[in-house]
Amino acid sequence: MASTSAARAKILQKNDNDVVIVSAVRTAMTKARKGGFKDTRPELLLSHVLRAAYQKVNLDPKLIEDIAVGNVLPAGGGASQARMAALHAGIPNTSAINTVNRQCSSGLTAVNQIANEILAGEIDIGVGAGVESMTFGFGPSAQPDGYSDEVLSNQESEDCLIPMGITSENVAADFGIGRPEQDAFAAKSFQKAAAAQKAGKFRDEIVPVKATVIDPKTEQARQVLVDADDGVREGVTAESLAKLKPAFSKDGATHAGNASQVSDGAAAVLLMRRSVAKRLGLPVLGKWVAGAVVGVPPRIMGIGPAVAIPRVLQKTGLSKEDVDFFEINEAFASQAVYSIKAIGIPFEKVNRHGGAIAMGHPLGCTGARQIATGLNISKQYGDKIFVTSMCIGSGMGMAAVFANEQ
């Protein structure tokens, strides 16, 4: 039964100055280097979701004042590509844009930036988005050519360079999250995502995209319609995952089946002041309530949600019981399981349609994608308040609270 605390009741009140969401969309997420978007540049993916975000509610794009885009891998933060994407999407050159890189939370950071600009009175209408082509983002061009020895003499600075998979093993070892528990969690993610996909539950949040795919053998190009996450697999069990070899340490527990998939995808969230949405006659899907970001030790960066979620609940006066469900990014099963248990959240309230282990984690996209998914889930199950969260490379965590109004 839903909680009826005073804090929850206050959040569900409607005020003209609220930051509301009128549109939230995403592309499908596809396997990097071999999926439906392997030959699609990130700026084109971004253009698709930016255009869909305003067209879905028939908003005149001239009214969009600012856009923030989460993006992690490209050199220069993809700033020029983001500007190009907005212009290609039919958003005029009078609208401003910037990219942000807070690694895995970049999409949520972008949404928070726009929400706070609206709260501060700087703008009335903006878009928080995220995009990542992990196909095009990987490789030598994405890597720095070295680091300062003086900076590396600080142990925590050096810990920022620990491969993500090793930080997963560190969390598992430090907090006693064994492989059977990780594999059971990962299998459940696949099972939930497969069931949701089969039932058409992702359809309303996904913008179908016509993409060109080049056959690596014949070099022939063909057009495909990408409208479903292609990493979701039916029939995955804890027993089938137990057969996979560890990926980062021969005695480790993290492997390809209980870690997030390397993916391509984009998402966009259209936000505005409630009074403006009323004046324009636009539907309100929900409202942004608050966000919080925290730092944690880099060597166990995966614990970020365990710290960020309590922080954002404290800021809003909510208890964990006041929250109907949580979208927690599954960077690795180890850190997701630890975070859920540390906070004391029932597992059935987390990632109802599966998570990044089954669906994929395009780095800059995920924070915005979780909002589109969360609003869609809220509508389908009649929930009111949800929290999104993720761990962040180099040792951070982020979380945000949203209220559904559909």
Foldseek 3Di string as FASTA:
>chain_A
DFDDDPLLVVQPDDDLLFKFFQFKAKAAKEFDCPTQCVPPDFLQQALLQLLCRCVVFVHDLQQAAEEEEEEAQAPPQCAVSVLVSCVVSVRDPNHYYGYDYLWQQRQQVRVQVVRVCSNVVVGFKHKRKYWFRLNVRDDPNRDDPDDDPVQVVPPLSVLLPPPPLQLLQVLCVVPVPDLLNLLQQLQVLLALQVVCVVVVLCQVRHDWDWGWDADPVPRDIDTDTRHHQPLRDPPRHSVVLVPFQADPDRPGRFDLQFAFGAITMMMMIMIGRNNVCVVVVGDTFWGWDDKDKWFFRQSNLLLALLPRVVVQCVVSVHQPSNAQAEEEARRGSSSVVVSCVSSVHPPCRYNSNHHRSRRHRRRGGVNSSVVSSVSSVCVVVVGFKYKYKYGGRSGMIMMTMMTGDD
